[in-house]
C-alpha atoms as a PDB file:
ATOM      1  CA  MET A   1      43.315  37.948  96.497  1.00  0.00           C
ATOM      2  CA  THR A   2      44.679  36.286  93.332  1.00  0.00           C
ATOM      3  CA  GLU A   3      42.991  36.581  89.944  1.00  0.00           C
ATOM      4  CA  ASN A   4      42.325  32.858  90.086  1.00  0.00           C
ATOM      5  CA  ASN A   5      40.591  33.283  93.491  1.00  0.00           C
ATOM      6  CA  LYS A   6      38.636  36.116  92.312  1.00  0.00           C
ATOM      7  CA  VAL A   7      37.426  34.066  89.217  1.00  0.00           C
ATOM      8  CA  LYS A   8      36.522  31.094  91.533  1.00  0.00           C
ATOM      9  CA  LYS A   9      34.565  33.433  94.117  1.00  0.00           C
ATOM     10  CA  THR A  10      32.786  35.052  91.266  1.00  0.00           C
ATOM     11  CA  GLY A  11      31.855  31.621  89.823  1.00  0.00           C
ATOM     12  CA  ASN A  12      30.544  30.343  93.287  1.00  0.00           C
ATOM     13  CA  ILE A  13      28.374  33.495  93.582  1.00  0.00           C
ATOM     14  CA  ARG A  14      27.025  33.027  90.250  1.00  0.00           C
ATOM     15  CA  ALA A  15      26.309  29.365  90.821  1.00  0.00           C
ATOM     16  CA  LYS A  16      24.514  30.043  94.091  1.00  0.00           C
ATOM     17  CA  SER A  17      22.436  32.879  92.781  1.00  0.00           C
ATOM     18  CA  GLN A  18      21.268  30.711  89.850  1.00  0.00           C
ATOM     19  CA  VAL A  19      20.284  27.747  92.066  1.00  0.00           C
ATOM     20  CA  LYS A  20      18.396  30.367  94.232  1.00  0.00           C
ATOM     21  CA  ILE A  21      16.647  31.745  91.142  1.00  0.00           C
ATOM     22  CA  LEU A  22      15.777  28.272  89.733  1.00  0.00           C
ATOM     23  CA  THR A  23      14.358  27.041  93.038  1.00  0.00           C
ATOM     24  CA  ALA A  24      12.128  30.017  93.332  1.00  0.00           C
ATOM     25  CA  ALA A  25      11.161  29.637  89.672  1.00  0.00           C
ATOM     26  CA  THR A  26      10.255  26.051  90.099  1.00  0.00           C
ATOM     27  CA  THR A  27       7.878  26.970  92.913  1.00  0.00           C
ATOM     28  CA  GLU A  28       6.371  29.827  90.975  1.00  0.00           C
ATOM     29  CA  PHE A  29       5.808  27.741  87.710  1.00  0.00           C
ATOM     30  CA  VAL A  30       4.181  24.970  89.787  1.00  0.00           C
ATOM     31  CA  LEU A  31       1.892  27.278  91.642  1.00  0.00           C
ATOM     32  CA  GLN A  32       1.075  29.759  88.781  1.00  0.00           C
ATOM     33  CA  GLY A  33       1.902  27.773  85.682  1.00  0.00           C
ATOM     34  CA  TYR A  34       4.160  29.182  82.841  1.00  0.00           C
ATOM     35  CA  LYS A  35       1.538  31.896  81.708  1.00  0.00           C
ATOM     36  CA  GLY A  36       0.772  33.092  85.400  1.00  0.00           C
ATOM     37  CA  ALA A  37       4.379  33.229  86.611  1.00  0.00           C
ATOM     38  CA  THR A  38       6.344  36.453  85.988  1.00  0.00           C
ATOM     39  CA  VAL A  39       9.898  37.362  86.350  1.00  0.00           C
ATOM     40  CA  GLN A  40       8.975  39.824  89.096  1.00  0.00           C
ATOM     41  CA  SER A  41       7.107  37.051  91.108  1.00  0.00           C
ATOM     42  CA  ILE A  42      10.148  34.865  90.696  1.00  0.00           C
ATOM     43  CA  ALA A  43      12.371  37.764  91.901  1.00  0.00           C
ATOM     44  CA  ASP A  44      10.278  38.361  94.866  1.00  0.00           C
ATOM     45  CA  ARG A  45      10.237  34.715  95.874  1.00  0.00           C
ATOM     46  CA  ALA A  46      14.041  34.567  95.368  1.00  0.00           C
ATOM     47  CA  ASN A  47      14.363  37.820  97.410  1.00  0.00           C
ATOM     48  CA  LEU A  48      16.417  39.162  94.628  1.00  0.00           C
ATOM     49  CA  PRO A  49      16.068  42.343  92.474  1.00  0.00           C
ATOM     50  CA  LYS A  50      14.410  41.691  89.154  1.00  0.00           C
ATOM     51  CA  ALA A  51      17.394  42.999  87.347  1.00  0.00           C
ATOM     52  CA  ASN A  52      19.468  40.229  88.794  1.00  0.00           C
ATOM     53  CA  ILE A  53      17.085  37.669  87.506  1.00  0.00           C
ATOM     54  CA  LEU A  54      17.213  39.125  83.840  1.00  0.00           C
ATOM     55  CA  TYR A  55      21.140  39.368  84.168  1.00  0.00           C
ATOM     56  CA  TYR A  56      21.364  35.690  84.368  1.00  0.00           C
ATOM     57  CA  PHE A  57      18.437  34.467  82.232  1.00  0.00           C
ATOM     58  CA  LYS A  58      17.246  37.473  80.013  1.00  0.00           C
ATOM     59  CA  ASN A  59      13.671  36.565  80.162  1.00  0.00           C
ATOM     60  CA  LYS A  60      11.006  34.216  81.546  1.00  0.00           C
ATOM     61  CA  GLU A  61      11.248  31.658  78.737  1.00  0.00           C
ATOM     62  CA  ASN A  62      14.947  31.180  79.469  1.00  0.00           C
ATOM     63  CA  ILE A  63      14.274  30.600  83.201  1.00  0.00           C
ATOM     64  CA  TYR A  64      11.647  27.992  82.400  1.00  0.00           C
ATOM     65  CA  HIS A  65      13.940  26.186  79.934  1.00  0.00           C
ATOM     66  CA  ALA A  66      16.708  26.187  82.699  1.00  0.00           C
ATOM     67  CA  VAL A  67      14.188  24.699  85.243  1.00  0.00           C
ATOM     68  CA  LEU A  68      13.272  22.002  82.792  1.00  0.00           C
ATOM     69  CA  GLU A  69      16.871  21.285  81.887  1.00  0.00           C
ATOM     70  CA  HIS A  70      17.852  21.177  85.742  1.00  0.00           C
ATOM     71  CA  THR A  71      15.171  18.785  86.339  1.00  0.00           C
ATOM     72  CA  LEU A  72      16.182  16.344  83.560  1.00  0.00           C
ATOM     73  CA  GLU A  73      19.904  16.669  84.498  1.00  0.00           C
ATOM     74  CA  MET A  74      18.837  15.707  88.023  1.00  0.00           C
ATOM     75  CA  TRP A  75      16.791  12.780  87.020  1.00  0.00           C
ATOM     76  CA  ASP A  76      19.695  11.611  84.761  1.00  0.00           C
ATOM     77  CA  GLU A  77      22.242  11.772  87.588  1.00  0.00           C
ATOM     78  CA  GLY A  78      19.904  10.015  89.923  1.00  0.00           C
ATOM     79  CA  ILE A  79      19.068   7.023  87.742  1.00  0.00           C
ATOM     80  CA  GLY A  80      22.393   6.728  85.959  1.00  0.00           C
ATOM     81  CA  ASP A  81      23.238   4.103  83.479  1.00  0.00           C
ATOM     82  CA  ILE A  82      21.720   0.651  83.822  1.00  0.00           C
ATOM     83  CA  ASP A  83      24.691  -1.882  83.780  1.00  0.00           C
ATOM     84  CA  PRO A  84      23.854  -4.955  81.760  1.00  0.00           C
ATOM     85  CA  SER A  85      26.070  -6.999  83.981  1.00  0.00           C
ATOM     86  CA  GLU A  86      23.939  -6.254  86.913  1.00  0.00           C
ATOM     87  CA  GLY A  87      20.950  -8.312  85.564  1.00  0.00           C
ATOM     88  CA  PRO A  88      17.290  -7.186  85.300  1.00  0.00           C
ATOM     89  CA  LYS A  89      16.405  -7.519  89.111  1.00  0.00           C
ATOM     90  CA  ALA A  90      19.210  -5.062  90.253  1.00  0.00           C
ATOM     91  CA  ALA A  91      18.553  -2.822  87.399  1.00  0.00           C
ATOM     92  CA  ILE A  92      14.645  -2.502  88.001  1.00  0.00           C
ATOM     93  CA  GLU A  93      15.480  -2.031  91.721  1.00  0.00           C
ATOM     94  CA  LYS A  94      17.899   0.797  91.233  1.00  0.00           C
ATOM     95  CA  PHE A  95      15.553   2.515  88.730  1.00  0.00           C
ATOM     96  CA  ILE A  96      12.631   2.410  91.104  1.00  0.00           C
ATOM     97  CA  GLU A  97      14.628   3.469  94.190  1.00  0.00           C
ATOM     98  CA  ALA A  98      16.102   6.386  92.331  1.00  0.00           C
ATOM     99  CA  LYS A  99      12.771   7.610  90.847  1.00  0.00           C
ATOM    100  CA  VAL A 100      10.906   7.206  94.344  1.00  0.00           C
ATOM    101  CA  ARG A 101      13.657   9.187  96.127  1.00  0.00           C
ATOM    102  CA  MET A 102      13.570  12.040  93.649  1.00  0.00           C
ATOM    103  CA  SER A 103       9.793  12.121  93.782  1.00  0.00           C
ATOM    104  CA  PHE A 104       9.908  12.460  97.544  1.00  0.00           C
ATOM    105  CA  ASN A 105      12.951  14.844  97.747  1.00  0.00           C
ATOM    106  CA  HIS A 106      12.177  17.073  94.800  1.00  0.00           C
ATOM    107  CA  PRO A 107       8.376  16.794  94.247  1.00  0.00           C
ATOM    108  CA  GLU A 108       8.096  20.279  92.528  1.00  0.00           C
ATOM    109  CA  ALA A 109      10.522  19.169  89.794  1.00  0.00           C
ATOM    110  CA  SER A 110       8.318  16.249  88.929  1.00  0.00           C
ATOM    111  CA  LYS A 111       5.171  18.381  88.973  1.00  0.00           C
ATOM    112  CA  ILE A 112       6.506  21.109  86.628  1.00  0.00           C
ATOM    113  CA  TYR A 113       7.655  18.263  84.262  1.00  0.00           C
ATOM    114  CA  ALA A 114       4.244  16.555  84.520  1.00  0.00           C
ATOM    115  CA  MET A 115       2.395  20.192  83.813  1.00  0.00           C
ATOM    116  CA  GLU A 116       4.729  20.588  80.805  1.00  0.00           C
ATOM    117  CA  ILE A 117       3.933  17.242  79.280  1.00  0.00           C
ATOM    118  CA  ILE A 118       0.112  17.641  80.035  1.00  0.00           C
ATOM    119  CA  GLN A 119       0.271  20.957  78.237  1.00  0.00           C
ATOM    120  CA  GLY A 120       1.596  19.491  75.144  1.00  0.00           C
ATOM    121  CA  ALA A 121       5.486  19.568  75.911  1.00  0.00           C
ATOM    122  CA  GLN A 122       5.916  22.763  73.800  1.00  0.00           C
ATOM    123  CA  HIS A 123       9.151  23.245  75.351  1.00  0.00           C
ATOM    124  CA  LEU A 124      10.236  19.603  75.477  1.00  0.00           C
ATOM    125  CA  LYS A 125       9.266  18.412  72.100  1.00  0.00           C
ATOM    126  CA  GLU A 126      12.803  18.202  70.726  1.00  0.00           C
ATOM    127  CA  PHE A 127      14.034  16.560  73.895  1.00  0.00           C
ATOM    128  CA  ALA A 128      11.252  14.011  73.782  1.00  0.00           C
ATOM    129  CA  ARG A 129      11.966  13.295  70.190  1.00  0.00           C
ATOM    130  CA  THR A 130      15.769  12.920  70.490  1.00  0.00           C
ATOM    131  CA  TYR A 131      17.324  12.146  73.934  1.00  0.00           C
ATOM    132  CA  GLN A 132      14.250  10.668  75.696  1.00  0.00           C
ATOM    133  CA  ARG A 133      13.087   8.490  72.692  1.00  0.00           C
ATOM    134  CA  GLN A 134      16.664   7.270  72.455  1.00  0.00           C
ATOM    135  CA  TRP A 135      16.988   6.609  76.116  1.00  0.00           C
ATOM    136  CA  VAL A 136      13.737   4.485  76.255  1.00  0.00           C
ATOM    137  CA  ARG A 137      14.851   2.610  73.166  1.00  0.00           C
ATOM    138  CA  GLU A 138      18.281   1.753  74.596  1.00  0.00           C
ATOM    139  CA  LYS A 139      16.788   0.508  77.880  1.00  0.00           C
ATOM    140  CA  ALA A 140      13.762  -1.304  76.207  1.00  0.00           C
ATOM    141  CA  LYS A 141      16.395  -3.056  73.994  1.00  0.00           C
ATOM    142  CA  LEU A 142      18.389  -4.228  77.201  1.00  0.00           C
ATOM    143  CA  PHE A 143      15.247  -5.493  78.888  1.00  0.00           C
ATOM    144  CA  GLN A 144      14.399  -7.302  75.642  1.00  0.00           C
ATOM    145  CA  GLN A 145      17.805  -9.081  75.725  1.00  0.00           C
ATOM    146  CA  TRP A 146      17.110 -10.234  79.371  1.00  0.00           C
ATOM    147  CA  ILE A 147      13.738 -11.531  78.148  1.00  0.00           C
ATOM    148  CA  ASP A 148      15.148 -13.366  75.201  1.00  0.00           C
ATOM    149  CA  ASN A 149      17.760 -14.965  77.498  1.00  0.00           C
ATOM    150  CA  GLY A 150      14.957 -16.157  79.767  1.00  0.00           C
ATOM    151  CA  GLU A 151      16.316 -13.937  82.619  1.00  0.00           C
ATOM    152  CA  MET A 152      12.823 -12.368  83.236  1.00  0.00           C
ATOM    153  CA  ALA A 153       9.308 -12.796  82.198  1.00  0.00           C
ATOM    154  CA  ASP A 154       8.013 -11.855  78.717  1.00  0.00           C
ATOM    155  CA  VAL A 155       6.725  -8.355  79.358  1.00  0.00           C
ATOM    156  CA  ASP A 156       6.642  -5.311  77.057  1.00  0.00           C
ATOM    157  CA  PRO A 157       9.909  -3.248  77.868  1.00  0.00           C
ATOM    158  CA  VAL A 158       8.524   0.117  76.858  1.00  0.00           C
ATOM    159  CA  HIS A 159       5.378  -0.365  78.920  1.00  0.00           C
ATOM    160  CA  LEU A 160       7.471  -1.523  81.924  1.00  0.00           C
ATOM    161  CA  ILE A 161       9.443   1.673  81.745  1.00  0.00           C
ATOM    162  CA  PHE A 162       6.077   3.630  81.538  1.00  0.00           C
ATOM    163  CA  LEU A 163       4.990   1.759  84.525  1.00  0.00           C
ATOM    164  CA  ILE A 164       7.955   2.647  86.696  1.00  0.00           C
ATOM    165  CA  TRP A 165       7.761   6.386  85.623  1.00  0.00           C
ATOM    166  CA  SER A 166       4.215   6.640  86.431  1.00  0.00           C
ATOM    167  CA  SER A 167       4.022   4.745  89.673  1.00  0.00           C
ATOM    168  CA  THR A 168       7.141   6.476  91.214  1.00  0.00           C
ATOM    169  CA  GLN A 169       6.191  10.037  90.068  1.00  0.00           C
ATOM    170  CA  HIS A 170       2.680   9.570  91.214  1.00  0.00           C
ATOM    171  CA  TYR A 171       3.825  10.213  94.775  1.00  0.00           C
ATOM    172  CA  ALA A 172       5.030  13.623  93.696  1.00  0.00           C
ATOM    173  CA  ASP A 173       2.547  14.702  91.125  1.00  0.00           C
ATOM    174  CA  PHE A 174      -0.440  13.618  93.353  1.00  0.00           C
ATOM    175  CA  GLU A 175       1.089  14.539  96.530  1.00  0.00           C
ATOM    176  CA  THR A 176      -1.965  16.560  97.761  1.00  0.00           C
ATOM    177  CA  GLN A 177      -4.409  13.725  96.838  1.00  0.00           C
ATOM    178  CA  ILE A 178      -2.395  11.018  98.566  1.00  0.00           C
ATOM    179  CA  LEU A 179      -1.865  13.051 101.852  1.00  0.00           C
ATOM    180  CA  THR A 180      -5.473  13.951 101.950  1.00  0.00           C
ATOM    181  CA  ILE A 181      -6.646  10.329 101.545  1.00  0.00           C
ATOM    182  CA  MET A 182      -4.063   9.231 104.221  1.00  0.00           C
ATOM    183  CA  ASN A 183      -5.189  12.077 106.467  1.00  0.00           C
ATOM    184  CA  ARG A 184      -1.696  13.610 106.808  1.00  0.00           C
ATOM    185  CA  ALA A 185      -0.124  16.902 106.619  1.00  0.00           C
ATOM    186  CA  GLU A 186       3.126  15.660 104.900  1.00  0.00           C
ATOM    187  CA  TYR A 187       4.990  12.539 104.159  1.00  0.00           C
ATOM    188  CA  GLU A 188       6.775  10.822 106.948  1.00  0.00           C
ATOM    189  CA  GLU A 189      10.341   9.668 106.904  1.00  0.00           C
ATOM    190  CA  ASP A 190       9.657   6.014 106.570  1.00  0.00           C
ATOM    191  CA  ASP A 191       7.248   6.484 103.671  1.00  0.00           C
ATOM    192  CA  VAL A 192      10.112   6.526 101.132  1.00  0.00           C
ATOM    193  CA  GLU A 193      11.360   3.134 102.126  1.00  0.00           C
ATOM    194  CA  GLN A 194       7.812   1.660 102.280  1.00  0.00           C
ATOM    195  CA  VAL A 195       7.024   2.821  98.802  1.00  0.00           C
ATOM    196  CA  ILE A 196      10.364   1.571  97.330  1.00  0.00           C
ATOM    197  CA  ALA A 197       9.787  -1.693  98.925  1.00  0.00           C
ATOM    198  CA  PHE A 198       6.138  -1.983  97.827  1.00  0.00           C
ATOM    199  CA  LEU A 199       6.696  -0.972  94.183  1.00  0.00           C
ATOM    200  CA  SER A 200       9.821  -3.083  93.876  1.00  0.00           C
ATOM    201  CA  GLN A 201       8.049  -6.141  95.018  1.00  0.00           C
ATOM    202  CA  MET A 202       4.993  -5.684  92.802  1.00  0.00           C
ATOM    203  CA  ILE A 203       6.877  -4.890  89.658  1.00  0.00           C
ATOM    204  CA  LEU A 204       9.624  -7.440  90.286  1.00  0.00           C
ATOM    205  CA  ARG A 205       6.825 -10.120  90.817  1.00  0.00           C
ATOM    206  CA  GLY A 206       5.194  -8.937  87.556  1.00  0.00           C
ATOM    207  CA  CYS A 207       8.543  -9.474  85.691  1.00  0.00           C
ATOM    208  CA  GLY A 208       8.932 -12.935  87.276  1.00  0.00           C
ATOM    209  CA  LEU A 209      11.844 -11.784  89.332  1.00  0.00           C
ATOM    210  CA  ALA A 210      10.483 -12.071  92.902  1.00  0.00           C
END
């Protein structure tokens, strides 16, 4: 095996191990909270020695930061950039669809993010002050341009973003409540498309786009 192949194999093993650890950690943090989860419980869930966990992340706080960072990166990749040339209708539809699919496909990621925010965002304050605040300002400015150009109704752009966030993530954060009310054990395959269609219609109508 060449040196390059050895490095590549080592990198693949490292990446797979980290994904396995972060997946287990996400579940532990959702079930036990940050204070209740331990490095040992994460190791047990990942079926790995505790020493392996500490080799990659050093301590519980580093694991938690990595979980939050992974969640935010996943959301960014899913939503992507809003293209001004697409117009408000396409942008809102894309935003809603991406967030709904992430809520159904990765509910634990949404739950751990919600728990962090509810508890005061101690580990996300810098992120909220910098990147997230800037992201909302940029998108709100774009929506305002569309409003000023008469391309959509005169709605508050910031609250529009809050509405999309809350309505789409509700299906992940309150999964147990929703399934209980609907008398189901789990979501069904066509639920995603139905939710996307419903929220898109309601929000687009409120923005004068449907």
